[in-house]
Structure formats: C-alpha cells, structure tokens
Amino acid sequence: MEYGRLEREIQIDASPEIVFEVISSPQHLRQWWPDDAQVEARPGAVGELVFGDRADLDAKVVAITVVDAVFPRLFSFRWVYPEDETATERNSLLVSFELAPDGDGTALRMIETGFRERGWDVAVLEAEYQEHVTGWDHYLPRLGDYVARLVPRR
C-alpha cells in the first residue's frame, strides 16, 4: 500500500460557491468536522481546529495554516505540524479541497499528501495514514449531509 497520498471524491448537491463556504468558514466547519474552528480563508492565515471540548484535557487542538483560498475552486491548508514550528512541506500534511461544477452541483476532490515527507518510521507512517483514512471516511459524508440540510432540494 502507498502511504503518500489520500484522495477522496464526493458529489454535493450545491454550487461550488456554497461548498467553498462550508469547507472554509468556521461556523460551517463546526457542523461537519471539528468541534470548534478558528480560521480565515486567506493564504497565510494561521488558525486552529479543536476536536473535543476545549475545556477538557483530552481535547485535541491542531494548528492549521491556509495555503490557498481561491473562491470558489480551491481551499488548501497545512496541518499536523509541531505547535512551536511554522508549517512546511517537511513537517506537515497538506489538505486540498478542489471544487468543480458538476451539473447542478459540485464535484469535490479532497487530497491529503505529505505523509512520507514527515520522516516517520514505517509503523508511525502506517498508523497516521490509517487514522486519516478513517477520519476522512467519517467526516466527508457528514460534509455532504450538512450541505444537503443547508440547500433546499431542487
């Protein structure tokens, strides 16, 4: 198995403009992915995602740095990097959401790369990759479900 690239595609019954807002704005992100989010959709913006209750010691706070925000086609960010470092190609993972019109909806392609570049030993690499596979397989359908609640059926 190749542990360098994770890719998923989903069809969403909403315009790329709506989907872009849902994948890039904190008020929408909180509805389908992290429990809390603070981020601006502009290149270079540094924010955070919070998984769990921020007040709980078990909460996981993850820094993110926006790489690209091209409305309504692309939103990408780096994450999973040491909190005392700036995100780079060698110390972080890159997540890209590519959006394309598809009939009356949007084709969303999510690509996550950078696993091998982290320099993890094989066991850590495999575990991290599998954790992200499981995570995206859980959260991406929630994205589609959330958008379906926002947009009336045509």
N, C-alpha and C. Protein backbone atom coordinates (compact mmCIF):
# COMPACT_ATOMS: atom_id res chain seq x y z
N MET A 1 0.85 -1.19 0.00
CA MET A 1 0.00 0.00 0.00
C MET A 1 0.89 1.25 0.00
N GLU A 2 0.46 2.24 -0.76
CA GLU A 2 1.18 3.51 -0.81
C GLU A 2 0.63 4.44 0.27
N TYR A 3 1.51 4.94 1.13
CA TYR A 3 1.07 5.80 2.23
C TYR A 3 1.41 7.26 1.98
N GLY A 4 1.52 7.66 0.72
CA GLY A 4 1.92 9.03 0.43
C GLY A 4 0.80 9.97 0.08
N ARG A 5 -0.35 9.43 -0.33
CA ARG A 5 -1.43 10.27 -0.84
C ARG A 5 -2.77 9.64 -0.50
N LEU A 6 -3.65 10.43 0.04
CA LEU A 6 -5.00 10.01 0.35
C LEU A 6 -5.93 10.88 -0.50
N GLU A 7 -6.84 10.26 -1.22
CA GLU A 7 -7.72 11.02 -2.11
C GLU A 7 -9.14 10.48 -2.02
N ARG A 8 -10.08 11.40 -1.95
CA ARG A 8 -11.50 11.05 -1.93
C ARG A 8 -12.24 12.03 -2.83
N GLU A 9 -13.30 11.54 -3.48
CA GLU A 9 -14.17 12.40 -4.28
C GLU A 9 -15.60 12.17 -3.86
N ILE A 10 -16.35 13.28 -3.73
CA ILE A 10 -17.77 13.18 -3.44
C ILE A 10 -18.51 14.19 -4.31
N GLN A 11 -19.75 13.88 -4.59
CA GLN A 11 -20.63 14.79 -5.31
C GLN A 11 -21.52 15.46 -4.27
N ILE A 12 -21.69 16.77 -4.41
CA ILE A 12 -22.50 17.52 -3.46
C ILE A 12 -23.55 18.31 -4.23
N ASP A 13 -24.80 18.22 -3.78
CA ASP A 13 -25.90 18.90 -4.45
C ASP A 13 -26.00 20.36 -4.02
N ALA A 14 -24.96 21.12 -4.36
CA ALA A 14 -24.93 22.57 -4.10
C ALA A 14 -23.87 23.17 -5.00
N SER A 15 -23.95 24.45 -5.21
CA SER A 15 -22.99 25.12 -6.08
C SER A 15 -21.60 25.15 -5.44
N PRO A 16 -20.55 25.29 -6.26
CA PRO A 16 -19.19 25.43 -5.70
C PRO A 16 -19.08 26.61 -4.73
N GLU A 17 -19.84 27.67 -4.95
CA GLU A 17 -19.79 28.83 -4.05
C GLU A 17 -20.25 28.44 -2.65
N ILE A 18 -21.33 27.69 -2.56
CA ILE A 18 -21.83 27.24 -1.25
C ILE A 18 -20.85 26.25 -0.62
N VAL A 19 -20.39 25.30 -1.40
CA VAL A 19 -19.46 24.29 -0.86
C VAL A 19 -18.18 24.96 -0.36
N PHE A 20 -17.67 25.93 -1.09
CA PHE A 20 -16.46 26.63 -0.66
C PHE A 20 -16.68 27.24 0.73
N GLU A 21 -17.79 27.90 0.93
CA GLU A 21 -18.09 28.49 2.24
C GLU A 21 -18.13 27.43 3.34
N VAL A 22 -18.70 26.28 3.02
CA VAL A 22 -18.85 25.22 4.02
C VAL A 22 -17.51 24.60 4.40
N ILE A 23 -16.56 24.55 3.47
CA ILE A 23 -15.26 23.94 3.78
C ILE A 23 -14.23 24.94 4.30
N SER A 24 -14.58 26.25 4.28
CA SER A 24 -13.57 27.24 4.64
C SER A 24 -13.96 28.19 5.76
N SER A 25 -15.20 28.16 6.22
CA SER A 25 -15.61 29.10 7.27
C SER A 25 -15.89 28.37 8.57
N PRO A 26 -15.40 28.93 9.69
CA PRO A 26 -15.55 28.26 10.98
C PRO A 26 -16.97 27.86 11.35
N GLN A 27 -17.95 28.75 11.10
CA GLN A 27 -19.32 28.42 11.51
C GLN A 27 -19.84 27.19 10.78
N HIS A 28 -19.39 26.95 9.57
CA HIS A 28 -19.81 25.74 8.84
C HIS A 28 -18.93 24.54 9.17
N LEU A 29 -17.62 24.76 9.27
CA LEU A 29 -16.71 23.65 9.61
C LEU A 29 -17.16 22.93 10.87
N ARG A 30 -17.58 23.70 11.87
CA ARG A 30 -18.01 23.13 13.15
C ARG A 30 -19.19 22.17 13.01
N GLN A 31 -19.93 22.30 11.95
CA GLN A 31 -21.12 21.48 11.77
C GLN A 31 -20.84 20.10 11.21
N TRP A 32 -19.68 19.92 10.58
CA TRP A 32 -19.41 18.62 9.96
C TRP A 32 -18.04 18.03 10.28
N TRP A 33 -17.13 18.83 10.83
CA TRP A 33 -15.78 18.30 11.04
C TRP A 33 -15.30 18.51 12.46
N PRO A 34 -14.60 19.59 12.80
CA PRO A 34 -14.12 19.71 14.18
C PRO A 34 -15.23 20.23 15.08
N ASP A 35 -15.01 20.13 16.38
CA ASP A 35 -15.97 20.67 17.34
C ASP A 35 -15.89 22.19 17.41
N ASP A 36 -14.73 22.72 17.09
CA ASP A 36 -14.55 24.18 17.05
C ASP A 36 -13.49 24.47 15.99
N ALA A 37 -13.56 25.65 15.41
CA ALA A 37 -12.60 26.05 14.39
C ALA A 37 -12.42 27.56 14.41
N GLN A 38 -11.20 27.97 14.20
CA GLN A 38 -10.88 29.39 14.04
C GLN A 38 -9.90 29.49 12.89
N VAL A 39 -10.38 30.04 11.78
CA VAL A 39 -9.53 30.15 10.60
C VAL A 39 -10.15 31.16 9.65
N GLU A 40 -9.30 31.84 8.91
CA GLU A 40 -9.75 32.75 7.86
C GLU A 40 -9.36 32.15 6.52
N ALA A 41 -10.22 32.29 5.53
CA ALA A 41 -9.96 31.74 4.20
C ALA A 41 -9.09 32.70 3.40
N ARG A 42 -7.84 32.83 3.82
CA ARG A 42 -6.88 33.64 3.07
C ARG A 42 -5.50 33.01 3.22
N PRO A 43 -4.74 32.98 2.14
CA PRO A 43 -3.40 32.37 2.18
C PRO A 43 -2.54 32.98 3.29
N GLY A 44 -1.89 32.10 4.04
CA GLY A 44 -1.02 32.53 5.13
C GLY A 44 -1.69 32.62 6.48
N ALA A 45 -3.02 32.59 6.51
CA ALA A 45 -3.74 32.67 7.78
C ALA A 45 -3.44 31.43 8.62
N VAL A 46 -3.19 31.64 9.89
CA VAL A 46 -2.94 30.55 10.83
C VAL A 46 -4.16 30.46 11.74
N GLY A 47 -4.66 29.27 11.92
CA GLY A 47 -5.83 29.06 12.76
C GLY A 47 -5.70 27.76 13.51
N GLU A 48 -6.84 27.28 14.01
CA GLU A 48 -6.82 26.02 14.74
C GLU A 48 -8.14 25.29 14.60
N LEU A 49 -8.04 23.99 14.71
CA LEU A 49 -9.18 23.10 14.76
C LEU A 49 -9.16 22.45 16.14
N VAL A 50 -10.32 22.31 16.75
CA VAL A 50 -10.41 21.70 18.07
C VAL A 50 -11.33 20.49 17.98
N PHE A 51 -10.80 19.34 18.36
CA PHE A 51 -11.58 18.10 18.38
C PHE A 51 -11.82 17.76 19.84
N GLY A 52 -13.08 17.81 20.25
CA GLY A 52 -13.44 17.63 21.65
C GLY A 52 -13.76 18.97 22.28
N ASP A 53 -14.09 18.95 23.56
CA ASP A 53 -14.40 20.17 24.31
C ASP A 53 -13.09 20.84 24.69
N ARG A 54 -12.92 22.10 24.26
CA ARG A 54 -11.68 22.84 24.50
C ARG A 54 -11.30 22.85 25.99
N ALA A 55 -12.30 22.84 26.87
CA ALA A 55 -12.03 22.88 28.30
C ALA A 55 -11.56 21.53 28.85
N ASP A 56 -11.76 20.49 28.09
CA ASP A 56 -11.39 19.13 28.51
C ASP A 56 -9.91 18.87 28.22
N LEU A 57 -9.24 18.23 29.13
CA LEU A 57 -7.81 17.93 28.93
C LEU A 57 -7.57 16.98 27.77
N ASP A 58 -8.60 16.21 27.38
CA ASP A 58 -8.46 15.27 26.27
C ASP A 58 -8.69 15.91 24.90
N ALA A 59 -9.09 17.18 24.89
CA ALA A 59 -9.33 17.86 23.61
C ALA A 59 -8.03 17.93 22.81
N LYS A 60 -8.19 17.82 21.51
CA LYS A 60 -7.03 17.89 20.62
C LYS A 60 -7.13 19.19 19.83
N VAL A 61 -6.16 20.09 20.04
CA VAL A 61 -6.12 21.36 19.33
C VAL A 61 -5.02 21.24 18.27
N VAL A 62 -5.41 21.46 17.02
CA VAL A 62 -4.50 21.28 15.90
C VAL A 62 -4.36 22.60 15.14
N ALA A 63 -3.13 23.06 14.99
CA ALA A 63 -2.89 24.29 14.22
C ALA A 63 -3.02 23.99 12.73
N ILE A 64 -3.55 24.97 11.99
CA ILE A 64 -3.60 24.88 10.53
C ILE A 64 -3.11 26.19 9.93
N THR A 65 -2.51 26.09 8.77
CA THR A 65 -2.06 27.26 8.03
C THR A 65 -2.65 27.18 6.63
N VAL A 66 -3.41 28.18 6.24
CA VAL A 66 -4.03 28.20 4.92
C VAL A 66 -2.97 28.43 3.86
N VAL A 67 -2.98 27.59 2.84
CA VAL A 67 -2.04 27.69 1.73
C VAL A 67 -2.69 28.44 0.57
N ASP A 68 -3.87 27.99 0.16
CA ASP A 68 -4.60 28.62 -0.94
C ASP A 68 -6.07 28.76 -0.59
N ALA A 69 -6.66 29.85 -1.04
CA ALA A 69 -8.09 30.06 -0.90
C ALA A 69 -8.53 30.80 -2.17
N VAL A 70 -8.94 30.03 -3.17
CA VAL A 70 -9.33 30.58 -4.46
C VAL A 70 -10.83 30.32 -4.62
N PHE A 71 -11.63 31.31 -4.25
CA PHE A 71 -13.08 31.18 -4.30
C PHE A 71 -13.53 31.07 -5.74
N PRO A 72 -14.37 30.15 -6.10
CA PRO A 72 -14.93 29.03 -5.36
C PRO A 72 -14.34 27.70 -5.79
N ARG A 73 -13.02 27.66 -6.09
CA ARG A 73 -12.43 26.46 -6.70
C ARG A 73 -11.50 25.66 -5.81
N LEU A 74 -10.82 26.31 -4.87
CA LEU A 74 -9.76 25.62 -4.14
C LEU A 74 -9.61 26.18 -2.73
N PHE A 75 -9.53 25.28 -1.77
CA PHE A 75 -9.17 25.65 -0.40
C PHE A 75 -8.18 24.61 0.09
N SER A 76 -6.98 25.05 0.47
CA SER A 76 -5.98 24.10 0.96
C SER A 76 -5.29 24.65 2.19
N PHE A 77 -4.83 23.71 3.02
CA PHE A 77 -4.15 24.10 4.25
C PHE A 77 -3.17 23.01 4.67
N ARG A 78 -2.21 23.43 5.49
CA ARG A 78 -1.26 22.50 6.11
C ARG A 78 -1.69 22.31 7.56
N TRP A 79 -1.50 21.08 8.03
CA TRP A 79 -1.81 20.77 9.43
C TRP A 79 -0.96 19.61 9.88
N VAL A 80 -1.13 19.20 11.14
CA VAL A 80 -0.36 18.11 11.75
C VAL A 80 1.13 18.47 11.73
N TYR A 81 1.43 19.64 12.27
CA TYR A 81 2.83 20.06 12.41
C TYR A 81 3.07 20.47 13.86
N PRO A 82 4.34 20.41 14.31
CA PRO A 82 4.64 20.77 15.70
C PRO A 82 4.16 22.18 16.03
N GLU A 83 3.53 22.33 17.19
CA GLU A 83 2.93 23.62 17.54
C GLU A 83 3.93 24.76 17.66
N ASP A 84 5.18 24.45 17.88
CA ASP A 84 6.18 25.52 18.01
C ASP A 84 6.92 25.79 16.69
N GLU A 85 6.39 25.27 15.58
CA GLU A 85 7.02 25.45 14.28
C GLU A 85 6.04 26.02 13.27
N THR A 86 6.59 26.63 12.23
CA THR A 86 5.80 27.08 11.08
C THR A 86 5.63 25.90 10.14
N ALA A 87 4.45 25.77 9.56
CA ALA A 87 4.18 24.65 8.65
C ALA A 87 5.04 24.74 7.40
N THR A 88 5.65 23.61 7.05
CA THR A 88 6.45 23.50 5.83
C THR A 88 6.11 22.18 5.14
N GLU A 89 6.69 21.96 3.96
CA GLU A 89 6.47 20.70 3.24
C GLU A 89 7.04 19.51 3.99
N ARG A 90 8.04 19.73 4.84
CA ARG A 90 8.71 18.62 5.54
C ARG A 90 8.09 18.28 6.89
N ASN A 91 7.31 19.20 7.48
CA ASN A 91 6.83 18.94 8.84
C ASN A 91 5.31 18.91 8.97
N SER A 92 4.59 18.89 7.84
CA SER A 92 3.13 18.97 7.91
C SER A 92 2.49 18.16 6.79
N LEU A 93 1.20 18.00 6.91
CA LEU A 93 0.41 17.38 5.85
C LEU A 93 -0.34 18.49 5.12
N LEU A 94 -0.55 18.31 3.82
CA LEU A 94 -1.28 19.28 3.00
C LEU A 94 -2.62 18.69 2.61
N VAL A 95 -3.69 19.40 2.93
CA VAL A 95 -5.04 19.01 2.54
C VAL A 95 -5.53 20.02 1.51
N SER A 96 -6.01 19.51 0.37
CA SER A 96 -6.56 20.38 -0.67
C SER A 96 -7.97 19.92 -0.98
N PHE A 97 -8.89 20.88 -1.02
CA PHE A 97 -10.24 20.65 -1.47
C PHE A 97 -10.37 21.33 -2.82
N GLU A 98 -10.53 20.54 -3.86
CA GLU A 98 -10.70 21.08 -5.21
C GLU A 98 -12.18 20.96 -5.56
N LEU A 99 -12.76 22.06 -6.04
CA LEU A 99 -14.18 22.11 -6.34
C LEU A 99 -14.38 22.38 -7.83
N ALA A 100 -15.31 21.65 -8.44
CA ALA A 100 -15.62 21.86 -9.85
C ALA A 100 -17.12 21.73 -10.04
N PRO A 101 -17.69 22.62 -10.86
CA PRO A 101 -19.12 22.47 -11.15
C PRO A 101 -19.38 21.10 -11.78
N ASP A 102 -20.51 20.51 -11.40
CA ASP A 102 -20.88 19.19 -11.93
C ASP A 102 -22.40 19.17 -12.04
N GLY A 103 -22.92 19.49 -13.23
CA GLY A 103 -24.36 19.62 -13.39
C GLY A 103 -24.86 20.75 -12.52
N ASP A 104 -25.85 20.44 -11.67
CA ASP A 104 -26.38 21.44 -10.74
C ASP A 104 -25.63 21.46 -9.41
N GLY A 105 -24.62 20.62 -9.29
CA GLY A 105 -23.90 20.51 -8.02
C GLY A 105 -22.42 20.74 -8.16
N THR A 106 -21.67 20.10 -7.27
CA THR A 106 -20.23 20.26 -7.20
C THR A 106 -19.55 18.91 -7.04
N ALA A 107 -18.49 18.72 -7.80
CA ALA A 107 -17.60 17.59 -7.58
C ALA A 107 -16.50 18.09 -6.65
N LEU A 108 -16.39 17.48 -5.49
CA LEU A 108 -15.35 17.86 -4.53
C LEU A 108 -14.32 16.75 -4.49
N ARG A 109 -13.07 17.14 -4.70
CA ARG A 109 -11.97 16.18 -4.55
C ARG A 109 -11.11 16.66 -3.38
N MET A 110 -10.93 15.76 -2.40
CA MET A 110 -10.08 16.03 -1.26
C MET A 110 -8.81 15.21 -1.44
N ILE A 111 -7.68 15.88 -1.35
CA ILE A 111 -6.38 15.20 -1.47
C ILE A 111 -5.56 15.58 -0.24
N GLU A 112 -4.98 14.58 0.41
CA GLU A 112 -4.08 14.83 1.54
C GLU A 112 -2.75 14.18 1.22
N THR A 113 -1.69 14.96 1.30
CA THR A 113 -0.34 14.48 1.00
C THR A 113 0.63 14.91 2.10
N GLY A 114 1.84 14.38 2.01
CA GLY A 114 2.89 14.76 2.94
C GLY A 114 3.22 13.72 3.99
N PHE A 115 2.58 12.58 3.94
CA PHE A 115 2.81 11.54 4.94
C PHE A 115 4.26 11.06 4.92
N ARG A 116 4.77 10.75 3.76
CA ARG A 116 6.16 10.26 3.64
C ARG A 116 7.17 11.35 3.97
N GLU A 117 6.85 12.58 3.62
CA GLU A 117 7.78 13.68 3.86
C GLU A 117 8.00 13.97 5.34
N ARG A 118 7.10 13.51 6.17
CA ARG A 118 7.24 13.73 7.62
C ARG A 118 8.44 12.98 8.20
N GLY A 119 8.90 11.95 7.52
CA GLY A 119 10.06 11.21 8.02
C GLY A 119 9.74 10.25 9.14
N TRP A 120 8.47 9.91 9.30
CA TRP A 120 8.06 8.96 10.34
C TRP A 120 8.61 7.57 10.04
N ASP A 121 8.86 6.79 11.10
CA ASP A 121 9.23 5.39 10.84
C ASP A 121 7.99 4.69 10.29
N VAL A 122 8.19 3.50 9.73
CA VAL A 122 7.13 2.81 8.99
C VAL A 122 5.87 2.60 9.84
N ALA A 123 6.03 2.19 11.08
CA ALA A 123 4.86 1.92 11.93
C ALA A 123 4.06 3.20 12.18
N VAL A 124 4.73 4.30 12.44
CA VAL A 124 4.05 5.57 12.68
C VAL A 124 3.39 6.04 11.39
N LEU A 125 4.09 5.94 10.27
CA LEU A 125 3.55 6.34 8.98
C LEU A 125 2.25 5.58 8.68
N GLU A 126 2.29 4.26 8.83
CA GLU A 126 1.09 3.45 8.57
C GLU A 126 -0.05 3.83 9.51
N ALA A 127 0.25 4.02 10.80
CA ALA A 127 -0.79 4.36 11.77
C ALA A 127 -1.40 5.73 11.48
N GLU A 128 -0.57 6.72 11.19
CA GLU A 128 -1.07 8.06 10.88
C GLU A 128 -1.92 8.04 9.62
N TYR A 129 -1.43 7.36 8.60
CA TYR A 129 -2.17 7.27 7.34
C TYR A 129 -3.54 6.63 7.58
N GLN A 130 -3.57 5.51 8.28
CA GLN A 130 -4.83 4.82 8.54
C GLN A 130 -5.78 5.67 9.39
N GLU A 131 -5.24 6.42 10.33
CA GLU A 131 -6.07 7.31 11.15
C GLU A 131 -6.74 8.36 10.26
N HIS A 132 -6.01 8.88 9.29
CA HIS A 132 -6.56 9.89 8.39
C HIS A 132 -7.56 9.28 7.42
N VAL A 133 -7.30 8.06 6.95
CA VAL A 133 -8.27 7.36 6.09
C VAL A 133 -9.59 7.21 6.85
N THR A 134 -9.50 6.72 8.07
CA THR A 134 -10.70 6.53 8.90
C THR A 134 -11.40 7.87 9.14
N GLY A 135 -10.63 8.89 9.45
CA GLY A 135 -11.21 10.21 9.71
C GLY A 135 -11.94 10.78 8.52
N TRP A 136 -11.28 10.81 7.36
CA TRP A 136 -11.93 11.37 6.17
C TRP A 136 -13.11 10.53 5.73
N ASP A 137 -13.03 9.21 5.89
CA ASP A 137 -14.17 8.36 5.54
C ASP A 137 -15.37 8.64 6.45
N HIS A 138 -15.11 9.14 7.63
CA HIS A 138 -16.20 9.51 8.55
C HIS A 138 -16.71 10.92 8.25
N TYR A 139 -15.80 11.88 8.10
CA TYR A 139 -16.20 13.28 8.02
C TYR A 139 -16.70 13.73 6.65
N LEU A 140 -16.16 13.22 5.56
CA LEU A 140 -16.61 13.69 4.25
C LEU A 140 -18.09 13.41 3.98
N PRO A 141 -18.61 12.25 4.34
CA PRO A 141 -20.06 12.06 4.18
C PRO A 141 -20.87 13.06 5.04
N ARG A 142 -20.34 13.42 6.19
CA ARG A 142 -21.01 14.41 7.03
C ARG A 142 -21.06 15.76 6.33
N LEU A 143 -20.01 16.09 5.58
CA LEU A 143 -19.99 17.33 4.79
C LEU A 143 -21.16 17.33 3.82
N GLY A 144 -21.31 16.26 3.06
CA GLY A 144 -22.41 16.16 2.11
C GLY A 144 -23.77 16.25 2.79
N ASP A 145 -23.92 15.57 3.92
CA ASP A 145 -25.18 15.59 4.67
C ASP A 145 -25.49 17.00 5.18
N TYR A 146 -24.46 17.69 5.67
CA TYR A 146 -24.66 19.05 6.19
C TYR A 146 -25.09 20.00 5.07
N VAL A 147 -24.42 19.94 3.93
CA VAL A 147 -24.78 20.81 2.82
C VAL A 147 -26.22 20.52 2.37
N ALA A 148 -26.61 19.25 2.37
CA ALA A 148 -27.97 18.88 1.96
C ALA A 148 -29.01 19.53 2.89
N ARG A 149 -28.68 19.73 4.16
CA ARG A 149 -29.60 20.39 5.09
C ARG A 149 -29.64 21.90 4.84
N LEU A 150 -28.55 22.46 4.31
CA LEU A 150 -28.49 23.91 4.05
C LEU A 150 -29.24 24.31 2.79
N VAL A 151 -29.18 23.46 1.78
CA VAL A 151 -29.68 23.81 0.46
C VAL A 151 -30.98 23.04 0.20
N PRO A 152 -32.05 23.78 -0.10
CA PRO A 152 -33.31 23.08 -0.40
C PRO A 152 -33.16 22.21 -1.64
N ARG A 153 -33.84 21.09 -1.65
CA ARG A 153 -33.83 20.17 -2.80
C ARG A 153 -34.41 20.87 -4.01
N ARG A 154 -33.83 20.61 -5.15
CA ARG A 154 -34.31 21.21 -6.39
C ARG A 154 -35.35 20.34 -7.03
